[in-house]
């Protein structure tokens, strides 16, 4: 970054350190790093209770979605599992109203419905009673 006169200026980031108390005492649980220029988080480091890095997530290219800034690229690295994943947001709809019919699941043909609040014998009896 440069200042008004074109001189190169270092812009350190803000960091929020989340400290937790575990069975072995206090430990650094999470570190969230914010850009000083736009105050958006661009990196998050998550640690286990022994101080080992569990997740390193980077957030890039934030865009405005209905007055909410959201990153369109999320790069997650999990060193323990030795994998990383890059998520690219193509379409995002936030805080839209939900209707009851969005939660109604149609029973596929041949599927058997099992009510978990009934014993297996009751479920079989009910299933046989209606001929299905």
C-alpha atoms as a PDB file:
ATOM      1  CA  UNK A   1       0.000   0.000   0.000  1.00  0.00           C
ATOM      2  CA  UNK A   2       1.190   3.524  -0.685  1.00  0.00           C
ATOM      3  CA  UNK A   3       0.477   6.843   0.996  1.00  0.00           C
ATOM      4  CA  UNK A   4      -0.606  10.103  -0.731  1.00  0.00           C
ATOM      5  CA  UNK A   5       2.977  10.831  -1.760  1.00  0.00           C
ATOM      6  CA  UNK A   6       3.504   7.382  -3.261  1.00  0.00           C
ATOM      7  CA  UNK A   7       5.708   6.072  -0.445  1.00  0.00           C
ATOM      8  CA  UNK A   8       5.301   2.427   0.354  1.00  0.00           C
ATOM      9  CA  UNK A   9       3.530   2.038   3.699  1.00  0.00           C
ATOM     10  CA  UNK A  10       3.176  -1.137   5.705  1.00  0.00           C
ATOM     11  CA  UNK A  11      -0.377  -1.747   6.902  1.00  0.00           C
ATOM     12  CA  UNK A  12      -0.306  -4.306   9.685  1.00  0.00           C
ATOM     13  CA  UNK A  13      -3.441  -6.300  10.253  1.00  0.00           C
ATOM     14  CA  UNK A  14      -5.603  -6.467  13.343  1.00  0.00           C
ATOM     15  CA  UNK A  15      -5.709  -9.754  15.198  1.00  0.00           C
ATOM     16  CA  UNK A  16      -8.246 -11.128  17.615  1.00  0.00           C
ATOM     17  CA  UNK A  17      -6.968 -13.966  19.768  1.00  0.00           C
ATOM     18  CA  UNK A  18      -9.566 -16.253  21.322  1.00  0.00           C
ATOM     19  CA  UNK A  19      -8.268 -17.862  24.509  1.00  0.00           C
ATOM     20  CA  UNK A  20     -10.087 -20.826  26.053  1.00  0.00           C
ATOM     21  CA  UNK A  21      -9.735 -22.814  29.202  1.00  0.00           C
ATOM     22  CA  UNK A  22      -9.354 -26.533  28.641  1.00  0.00           C
ATOM     23  CA  UNK A  23      -8.633 -29.499  30.869  1.00  0.00           C
ATOM     24  CA  UNK A  24      -4.905 -28.641  30.801  1.00  0.00           C
ATOM     25  CA  UNK A  25      -5.345 -24.907  31.344  1.00  0.00           C
ATOM     26  CA  UNK A  26      -5.668 -21.867  29.114  1.00  0.00           C
ATOM     27  CA  UNK A  27      -4.770 -22.095  25.420  1.00  0.00           C
ATOM     28  CA  UNK A  28      -4.957 -20.127  22.173  1.00  0.00           C
ATOM     29  CA  UNK A  29      -8.046 -21.539  20.485  1.00  0.00           C
ATOM     30  CA  UNK A  30      -8.444 -19.278  17.484  1.00  0.00           C
ATOM     31  CA  UNK A  31      -6.830 -16.300  15.805  1.00  0.00           C
ATOM     32  CA  UNK A  32      -8.883 -14.114  13.447  1.00  0.00           C
ATOM     33  CA  UNK A  33      -6.931 -11.695  11.261  1.00  0.00           C
ATOM     34  CA  UNK A  34      -8.661  -8.588   9.883  1.00  0.00           C
ATOM     35  CA  UNK A  35      -7.539  -6.200   7.205  1.00  0.00           C
ATOM     36  CA  UNK A  36      -6.888  -2.767   8.609  1.00  0.00           C
ATOM     37  CA  UNK A  37      -8.177  -1.108   5.443  1.00  0.00           C
ATOM     38  CA  UNK A  38     -11.665  -2.652   5.199  1.00  0.00           C
ATOM     39  CA  UNK A  39     -12.023  -4.404   8.608  1.00  0.00           C
ATOM     40  CA  UNK A  40     -12.993  -7.686   6.930  1.00  0.00           C
ATOM     41  CA  UNK A  41     -11.570 -10.964   8.207  1.00  0.00           C
ATOM     42  CA  UNK A  42      -9.194 -12.498   5.683  1.00  0.00           C
ATOM     43  CA  UNK A  43      -7.656 -15.344   7.647  1.00  0.00           C
ATOM     44  CA  UNK A  44      -8.590 -17.570  10.574  1.00  0.00           C
ATOM     45  CA  UNK A  45      -6.304 -19.977  12.391  1.00  0.00           C
ATOM     46  CA  UNK A  46      -7.799 -22.630  14.657  1.00  0.00           C
ATOM     47  CA  UNK A  47      -5.717 -24.539  17.205  1.00  0.00           C
ATOM     48  CA  UNK A  48      -6.245 -27.572  19.407  1.00  0.00           C
ATOM     49  CA  UNK A  49      -5.723 -27.423  23.182  1.00  0.00           C
ATOM     50  CA  UNK A  50      -2.017 -28.305  22.735  1.00  0.00           C
ATOM     51  CA  UNK A  51      -1.333 -25.367  20.426  1.00  0.00           C
ATOM     52  CA  UNK A  52      -1.228 -27.380  17.203  1.00  0.00           C
ATOM     53  CA  UNK A  53      -2.709 -25.787  14.100  1.00  0.00           C
ATOM     54  CA  UNK A  54      -5.905 -27.613  13.130  1.00  0.00           C
ATOM     55  CA  UNK A  55      -7.319 -25.316  10.419  1.00  0.00           C
ATOM     56  CA  UNK A  56      -5.948 -22.416   8.390  1.00  0.00           C
ATOM     57  CA  UNK A  57      -8.761 -20.664   6.487  1.00  0.00           C
ATOM     58  CA  UNK A  58      -8.241 -17.746   4.109  1.00  0.00           C
ATOM     59  CA  UNK A  59     -11.067 -15.532   2.873  1.00  0.00           C
ATOM     60  CA  UNK A  60     -10.625 -13.582  -0.357  1.00  0.00           C
ATOM     61  CA  UNK A  61     -12.524 -11.381  -2.792  1.00  0.00           C
ATOM     62  CA  UNK A  62     -15.419 -10.246  -0.602  1.00  0.00           C
ATOM     63  CA  UNK A  63     -18.487  -9.044  -2.466  1.00  0.00           C
ATOM     64  CA  UNK A  64     -21.672  -7.333  -1.407  1.00  0.00           C
ATOM     65  CA  UNK A  65     -24.756  -9.565  -1.169  1.00  0.00           C
ATOM     66  CA  UNK A  66     -27.787  -7.559  -0.048  1.00  0.00           C
ATOM     67  CA  UNK A  67     -25.653  -5.247   2.107  1.00  0.00           C
ATOM     68  CA  UNK A  68     -23.660  -8.174   3.580  1.00  0.00           C
ATOM     69  CA  UNK A  69     -19.998  -8.567   2.650  1.00  0.00           C
ATOM     70  CA  UNK A  70     -19.116 -12.218   2.066  1.00  0.00           C
ATOM     71  CA  UNK A  71     -15.933 -13.791   0.649  1.00  0.00           C
ATOM     72  CA  UNK A  72     -16.294 -15.436  -2.753  1.00  0.00           C
ATOM     73  CA  UNK A  73     -13.181 -17.582  -2.247  1.00  0.00           C
ATOM     74  CA  UNK A  74     -12.533 -19.606   0.884  1.00  0.00           C
ATOM     75  CA  UNK A  75      -9.327 -21.629   1.005  1.00  0.00           C
ATOM     76  CA  UNK A  76      -9.201 -24.148   3.869  1.00  0.00           C
ATOM     77  CA  UNK A  77      -6.072 -26.094   4.809  1.00  0.00           C
ATOM     78  CA  UNK A  78      -6.247 -28.926   7.374  1.00  0.00           C
ATOM     79  CA  UNK A  79      -2.632 -29.956   8.126  1.00  0.00           C
ATOM     80  CA  UNK A  80      -3.512 -32.968  10.310  1.00  0.00           C
ATOM     81  CA  UNK A  81      -5.628 -34.562   7.610  1.00  0.00           C
ATOM     82  CA  UNK A  82      -3.190 -33.336   4.936  1.00  0.00           C
ATOM     83  CA  UNK A  83      -5.833 -31.862   2.690  1.00  0.00           C
ATOM     84  CA  UNK A  84      -6.996 -28.512   1.476  1.00  0.00           C
ATOM     85  CA  UNK A  85     -10.126 -27.337  -0.260  1.00  0.00           C
ATOM     86  CA  UNK A  86     -10.879 -24.191  -2.228  1.00  0.00           C
ATOM     87  CA  UNK A  87     -14.495 -23.053  -2.214  1.00  0.00           C
ATOM     88  CA  UNK A  88     -15.602 -20.552  -4.848  1.00  0.00           C
ATOM     89  CA  UNK A  89     -18.977 -18.909  -4.335  1.00  0.00           C
ATOM     90  CA  UNK A  90     -20.828 -18.559  -7.627  1.00  0.00           C
ATOM     91  CA  UNK A  91     -24.271 -17.604  -6.315  1.00  0.00           C
ATOM     92  CA  UNK A  92     -25.235 -16.646  -2.793  1.00  0.00           C
ATOM     93  CA  UNK A  93     -28.641 -15.799  -1.375  1.00  0.00           C
ATOM     94  CA  UNK A  94     -28.616 -14.678   2.247  1.00  0.00           C
ATOM     95  CA  UNK A  95     -31.452 -14.237   4.714  1.00  0.00           C
ATOM     96  CA  UNK A  96     -34.232 -15.103   2.288  1.00  0.00           C
ATOM     97  CA  UNK A  97     -37.561 -16.140   3.806  1.00  0.00           C
ATOM     98  CA  UNK A  98     -38.158 -19.862   4.183  1.00  0.00           C
ATOM     99  CA  UNK A  99     -41.517 -21.502   3.654  1.00  0.00           C
ATOM    100  CA  UNK A 100     -42.887 -24.688   5.227  1.00  0.00           C
ATOM    101  CA  UNK A 101     -43.035 -26.474   1.859  1.00  0.00           C
ATOM    102  CA  UNK A 102     -39.239 -26.183   1.524  1.00  0.00           C
ATOM    103  CA  UNK A 103     -39.002 -28.654   4.417  1.00  0.00           C
ATOM    104  CA  UNK A 104     -41.611 -31.145   3.145  1.00  0.00           C
ATOM    105  CA  UNK A 105     -39.854 -34.247   1.844  1.00  0.00           C
ATOM    106  CA  UNK A 106     -41.679 -36.523  -0.546  1.00  0.00           C
ATOM    107  CA  UNK A 107     -41.377 -40.214   0.248  1.00  0.00           C
ATOM    108  CA  UNK A 108     -39.608 -42.027  -2.604  1.00  0.00           C
ATOM    109  CA  UNK A 109     -41.411 -45.062  -4.096  1.00  0.00           C
ATOM    110  CA  UNK A 110     -40.593 -48.250  -2.194  1.00  0.00           C
ATOM    111  CA  UNK A 111     -39.236 -46.424   0.855  1.00  0.00           C
ATOM    112  CA  UNK A 112     -40.385 -47.516   4.305  1.00  0.00           C
ATOM    113  CA  UNK A 113     -41.127 -44.830   6.873  1.00  0.00           C
ATOM    114  CA  UNK A 114     -39.845 -45.653  10.354  1.00  0.00           C
ATOM    115  CA  UNK A 115     -41.075 -43.497  13.209  1.00  0.00           C
ATOM    116  CA  UNK A 116     -38.303 -43.363  15.780  1.00  0.00           C
ATOM    117  CA  UNK A 117     -40.752 -42.841  18.644  1.00  0.00           C
ATOM    118  CA  UNK A 118     -42.283 -46.289  17.989  1.00  0.00           C
ATOM    119  CA  UNK A 119     -40.798 -49.700  18.619  1.00  0.00           C
ATOM    120  CA  UNK A 120     -39.859 -51.737  15.495  1.00  0.00           C
ATOM    121  CA  UNK A 121     -42.832 -54.097  16.114  1.00  0.00           C
ATOM    122  CA  UNK A 122     -45.323 -51.200  16.162  1.00  0.00           C
ATOM    123  CA  UNK A 123     -43.869 -49.830  12.924  1.00  0.00           C
ATOM    124  CA  UNK A 124     -44.259 -53.196  11.158  1.00  0.00           C
ATOM    125  CA  UNK A 125     -47.845 -53.548  12.440  1.00  0.00           C
ATOM    126  CA  UNK A 126     -48.735 -50.066  11.135  1.00  0.00           C
ATOM    127  CA  UNK A 127     -47.050 -50.755   7.837  1.00  0.00           C
ATOM    128  CA  UNK A 128     -49.035 -53.980   7.372  1.00  0.00           C
ATOM    129  CA  UNK A 129     -52.312 -52.361   8.430  1.00  0.00           C
ATOM    130  CA  UNK A 130     -52.497 -49.999   5.470  1.00  0.00           C
ATOM    131  CA  UNK A 131     -51.327 -52.607   2.947  1.00  0.00           C
ATOM    132  CA  UNK A 132     -48.025 -51.002   2.035  1.00  0.00           C
END
